[in-house]
Protein backbone atom coordinates (compact mmCIF):
# COMPACT_ATOMS: atom_id res chain seq x y z
CA UNK A 1 107.86 76.14 106.12
CA UNK A 2 108.04 77.69 109.34
CA UNK A 3 109.45 80.77 107.98
CA UNK A 4 106.59 80.96 105.23
CA UNK A 5 103.79 81.18 107.58
CA UNK A 6 105.65 83.25 110.39
CA UNK A 7 103.33 86.39 110.43
CA UNK A 8 104.26 89.33 112.73
CA UNK A 9 102.68 92.62 113.56
CA UNK A 10 105.12 94.35 111.16
CA UNK A 11 104.37 91.96 108.56
CA UNK A 12 100.57 93.11 109.19
CA UNK A 13 101.48 96.88 109.11
CA UNK A 14 103.37 96.33 105.93
CA UNK A 15 100.59 94.45 104.08
CA UNK A 16 98.18 97.42 105.26
CA UNK A 17 100.16 100.28 104.16
CA UNK A 18 100.67 98.86 100.83
CA UNK A 19 96.90 98.17 100.54
CA UNK A 20 96.14 102.12 101.68
CA UNK A 21 99.03 103.29 99.18
CA UNK A 22 97.52 101.13 95.98
CA UNK A 23 93.82 102.13 97.17
CA UNK A 24 94.83 105.85 96.54
CA UNK A 25 96.66 105.45 93.80
CA UNK A 26 93.86 103.61 92.36
CA UNK A 27 91.78 106.76 93.03
CA UNK A 28 93.91 109.26 91.66
CA UNK A 29 94.17 107.08 88.17
CA UNK A 30 90.46 106.21 88.07
CA UNK A 31 88.98 107.42 85.12
CA UNK A 32 92.06 107.71 83.14
CA UNK A 33 93.95 105.42 80.46
CA UNK A 34 96.42 104.78 82.64
CA UNK A 35 94.43 102.96 85.29
CA UNK A 36 94.41 99.93 82.93
CA UNK A 37 98.23 99.88 82.92
CA UNK A 38 98.65 100.24 86.52
CA UNK A 39 96.04 97.05 87.31
CA UNK A 40 98.31 95.07 84.71
CA UNK A 41 101.71 95.93 86.43
CA UNK A 42 100.05 95.40 89.85
CA UNK A 43 98.92 91.95 88.89
CA UNK A 44 102.40 91.13 87.42
CA UNK A 45 103.94 92.35 90.57
CA UNK A 46 101.68 90.28 92.65
CA UNK A 47 102.42 87.17 91.03
CA UNK A 48 105.95 87.68 91.10
CA UNK A 49 105.89 88.29 94.56
CA UNK A 50 103.96 84.77 94.80
CA UNK A 51 106.55 82.98 92.99
CA UNK A 52 109.11 84.39 95.06
CA UNK A 53 107.49 82.96 98.41
CA UNK A 54 106.97 79.65 96.70
CA UNK A 55 110.55 79.26 95.96
CA UNK A 56 109.70 79.04 91.96
CA UNK A 57 113.10 80.14 90.85
CA UNK A 58 112.53 80.00 86.97
CA UNK A 59 108.95 81.72 87.07
CA UNK A 60 110.45 84.15 89.65
CA UNK A 61 113.76 85.16 87.76
CA UNK A 62 111.69 85.63 84.25
CA UNK A 63 109.16 88.16 86.42
CA UNK A 64 111.96 89.71 87.92
CA UNK A 65 113.07 91.01 84.54
CA UNK A 66 109.50 92.09 83.76
CA UNK A 67 109.32 94.00 87.12
CA UNK A 68 112.77 95.49 86.98
CA UNK A 69 111.85 96.84 83.24
CA UNK A 70 108.52 97.66 84.93
CA UNK A 71 109.54 100.41 87.19
CA UNK A 72 111.25 102.24 84.17
CA UNK A 73 108.03 101.92 82.42
CA UNK A 74 105.81 103.43 85.01
CA UNK A 75 107.98 106.59 85.17
CA UNK A 76 107.38 106.81 81.49
CA UNK A 77 103.88 105.83 81.34
CA UNK A 78 102.83 107.80 84.66
CA UNK A 79 105.01 110.75 84.08
CA UNK A 80 101.96 113.48 83.90
CA UNK A 81 100.64 111.79 87.08
CA UNK A 82 103.94 111.79 88.93
CA UNK A 83 104.55 115.27 87.70
CA UNK A 84 101.19 116.17 89.74
CA UNK A 85 102.03 114.63 92.82
CA UNK A 86 105.56 116.19 93.07
CA UNK A 87 104.46 119.31 91.81
CA UNK A 88 101.91 119.43 94.85
CA UNK A 89 104.37 118.01 97.38
CA UNK A 90 106.81 120.87 96.34
CA UNK A 91 104.26 123.52 96.46
CA UNK A 92 103.08 122.73 99.92
CA UNK A 93 104.22 124.77 102.55
CA UNK A 94 104.77 122.26 105.40
CA UNK A 95 105.70 125.13 107.81
CA UNK A 96 102.44 127.02 107.56
CA UNK A 97 99.31 126.93 109.65
CA UNK A 98 97.32 124.61 107.08
CA UNK A 99 98.53 120.97 107.97
CA UNK A 100 100.28 119.22 105.36
CA UNK A 101 97.65 116.59 105.25
CA UNK A 102 95.50 119.00 104.07
CA UNK A 103 97.83 119.81 101.16
CA UNK A 104 96.92 116.05 100.18
CA UNK A 105 93.98 116.98 98.46
CA UNK A 106 94.26 113.94 95.77
CA UNK A 107 93.62 111.84 98.60
CA UNK A 108 90.17 112.80 98.60
CA UNK A 109 87.65 110.22 97.35
CA UNK A 110 84.88 112.90 96.41
CA UNK A 111 85.03 116.08 94.97
CA UNK A 112 82.74 119.44 96.24
CA UNK A 113 80.10 119.80 93.71
CA UNK A 114 78.49 122.80 95.22
CA UNK A 115 80.30 125.08 92.52
CA UNK A 116 77.61 127.08 91.12
CA UNK A 117 78.38 125.88 87.42
CA UNK A 118 74.95 127.76 86.02
CA UNK A 119 76.25 131.19 87.18
CA UNK A 120 79.67 130.60 85.90
CA UNK A 121 78.48 129.68 82.46
CA UNK A 122 75.83 132.61 82.31
CA UNK A 123 78.52 135.08 82.97
CA UNK A 124 80.88 133.37 80.66
CA UNK A 125 78.28 133.78 77.62
CA UNK A 126 77.47 137.41 78.59
CA UNK A 127 81.07 137.83 78.20
CA UNK A 128 81.55 136.20 75.19
CA UNK A 129 78.90 138.34 73.45
CA UNK A 130 80.82 141.50 74.30
CA UNK A 131 84.11 139.61 73.54
CA UNK A 132 85.57 140.33 76.78
CA UNK A 133 88.48 137.95 77.70
CA UNK A 134 88.41 135.73 80.58
CA UNK A 135 89.86 132.65 82.22
CA UNK A 136 88.23 130.87 85.10
CA UNK A 137 89.95 128.00 87.06
CA UNK A 138 87.90 125.39 89.09
CA UNK A 139 90.10 123.92 91.47
CA UNK A 140 88.92 120.21 92.27
CA UNK A 141 91.31 117.78 94.20
CA UNK A 142 94.87 119.35 93.41
CA UNK A 143 95.81 122.40 95.51
CA UNK A 144 96.74 125.43 93.43
CA UNK A 145 98.16 127.35 96.40
CA UNK A 146 101.32 127.21 94.44
CA UNK A 147 99.86 129.60 91.97
CA UNK A 148 97.28 131.24 94.12
CA UNK A 149 100.30 133.34 95.49
CA UNK A 150 101.13 135.10 92.17
CA UNK A 151 97.78 136.76 92.15
CA UNK A 152 95.36 138.70 94.44
CA UNK A 153 93.54 137.21 97.17
CA UNK A 154 89.72 137.09 97.40
CA UNK A 155 86.83 135.67 99.33
CA UNK A 156 83.72 136.37 97.55
CA UNK A 157 81.09 133.84 96.46
CA UNK A 158 80.62 133.19 92.85
CA UNK A 159 77.93 135.14 91.24
CA UNK A 160 77.34 136.80 87.85
CA UNK A 161 77.67 140.36 88.19
CA UNK A 162 81.31 139.92 90.27
CA UNK A 163 82.79 137.62 87.57
CA UNK A 164 81.80 140.39 85.09
CA UNK A 165 83.43 143.01 86.89
CA UNK A 166 86.44 141.08 87.30
CA UNK A 167 86.93 140.49 83.56
CA UNK A 168 85.66 143.87 82.48
CA UNK A 169 88.31 145.46 80.20
CA UNK A 170 88.98 148.26 82.80
CA UNK A 171 89.10 146.63 85.63
CA UNK A 172 92.52 146.38 87.39
CA UNK A 173 91.58 142.42 87.98
CA UNK A 174 90.95 141.58 84.41
CA UNK A 175 94.25 140.01 83.40
CA UNK A 176 95.41 136.78 84.56
CA UNK A 177 93.25 134.06 85.55
CA UNK A 178 90.40 133.72 88.64
CA UNK A 179 90.42 130.56 90.83
CA UNK A 180 87.23 129.18 92.17
CA UNK A 181 87.17 126.85 95.11
CA UNK A 182 83.97 125.15 96.43
CA UNK A 183 82.12 128.12 95.25
CA UNK A 184 84.29 130.92 96.43
CA UNK A 185 86.62 133.00 94.23
CA UNK A 186 89.84 132.76 96.33
CA UNK A 187 92.24 134.66 94.14
CA UNK A 188 92.24 136.96 90.74
CA UNK A 189 94.79 138.27 88.61
CA UNK A 190 96.47 134.66 88.87
CA UNK A 191 99.51 134.09 86.59
CA UNK A 192 99.33 130.53 85.50
CA UNK A 193 102.36 128.13 84.21
CA UNK A 194 101.99 128.07 80.21
CA UNK A 195 102.01 124.64 78.31
CA UNK A 196 104.90 124.07 75.72
CA UNK A 197 102.54 122.64 73.27
CA UNK A 198 102.10 124.00 69.88
CA UNK A 199 98.81 125.87 69.50
CA UNK A 200 96.81 127.19 66.45
CA UNK A 201 97.60 130.71 65.75
CA UNK A 202 93.98 131.73 66.82
CA UNK A 203 94.61 130.74 70.44
CA UNK A 204 96.83 133.30 72.76
CA UNK A 205 98.39 133.35 76.08
CA UNK A 206 94.85 132.77 77.78
CA UNK A 207 94.56 129.17 76.38
CA UNK A 208 98.38 128.56 76.80
CA UNK A 209 97.97 129.07 80.42
CA UNK A 210 94.47 127.15 80.78
CA UNK A 211 96.40 124.11 79.09
CA UNK A 212 99.41 124.46 81.25
CA UNK A 213 97.69 124.36 84.52
CA UNK A 214 95.68 121.59 83.56
CA UNK A 215 98.52 119.58 82.30
CA UNK A 216 99.91 120.12 85.78
CA UNK A 217 96.96 119.67 88.11
CA UNK A 218 93.25 118.36 87.76
CA UNK A 219 91.48 121.43 87.53
CA UNK A 220 88.91 122.52 85.04
CA UNK A 221 89.09 125.89 83.03
CA UNK A 222 87.01 127.89 81.00
CA UNK A 223 88.44 130.51 78.64
CA UNK A 224 86.69 132.95 76.70
CA UNK A 225 88.40 134.30 73.62
CA UNK A 226 88.90 138.04 73.29
CA UNK A 227 89.22 138.05 69.93
CA UNK A 228 86.58 135.68 68.74
CA UNK A 229 84.40 135.12 71.87
CA UNK A 230 84.26 131.60 71.56
CA UNK A 231 84.09 129.23 75.10
CA UNK A 232 86.59 126.74 75.55
CA UNK A 233 86.83 124.24 78.53
CA UNK A 234 90.35 122.84 79.22
CA UNK A 235 90.90 119.67 81.15
CA UNK A 236 93.84 117.54 81.22
CA UNK A 237 95.60 119.44 78.58
CA UNK A 238 93.05 119.29 75.99
CA UNK A 239 90.46 121.99 75.04
CA UNK A 240 87.13 121.77 73.35
CA UNK A 241 84.84 125.02 72.21
CA UNK A 242 81.22 125.22 73.11
CA UNK A 243 78.28 127.01 71.63
CA UNK A 244 75.61 125.48 73.35
CA UNK A 245 75.07 126.39 77.42
CA UNK A 246 73.14 123.43 78.23
CA UNK A 247 75.86 121.05 77.12
CA UNK A 248 78.75 122.96 78.82
CA UNK A 249 76.91 122.98 82.29
CA UNK A 250 76.22 119.36 81.76
CA UNK A 251 79.83 118.40 81.14
CA UNK A 252 81.43 121.01 83.90
CA UNK A 253 78.99 119.22 86.47
CA UNK A 254 79.66 116.04 85.49
CA UNK A 255 83.47 116.55 85.68
CA UNK A 256 83.10 117.74 89.26
CA UNK A 257 80.96 115.01 90.42
């Protein structure tokens, strides 16, 4: 009994670190279907540890089997989230001047919502009318440094004329994607990873690239089709076509908030 109630500083540190880890995992998964599964697995694991501490051997042995299988299940269920996390770790340049902690942007509990969404949508509507192809990526929590390096760096505030000039057909910057972070155009002519999904024939490389980057990170993409002029919003590997300006603005702002 004395061993059970013996509580040291290391025990306190252990519990604190686990609590912090669970909190940030919850923030990462919040708003997704996976959060309910994560909570269920956490409850089962907590009951398992309680039964271990109380030496309830029969129930503990049953739960141990469930927890053991749960580890494999987590790898399957949380594959997209683990992929994002490992991709972010692999792309972080620890030796650079930017600190490693700054690379862990998914730990932030708030997303900067000061992006000029109205100007972005207005520019897309103009390009839609002229059937000018465009791909705009709005960075959120996950760092996009690993793809920015594939393009040309820029430091310009978001506005309608500059977005139109970037994607103008005769502009040297119109190929590839433009990345926006905190209302600053940080890179243009960026080559994005392509998705392996089977897409309808009317969607080309621009949409495949948008799906590919949103499968790997939590960014939002807006694509304007060069063939049809249709505007698509892509998030979490899924896309939706929009005709109404206000609906598109409201949904983008909701995602950013």
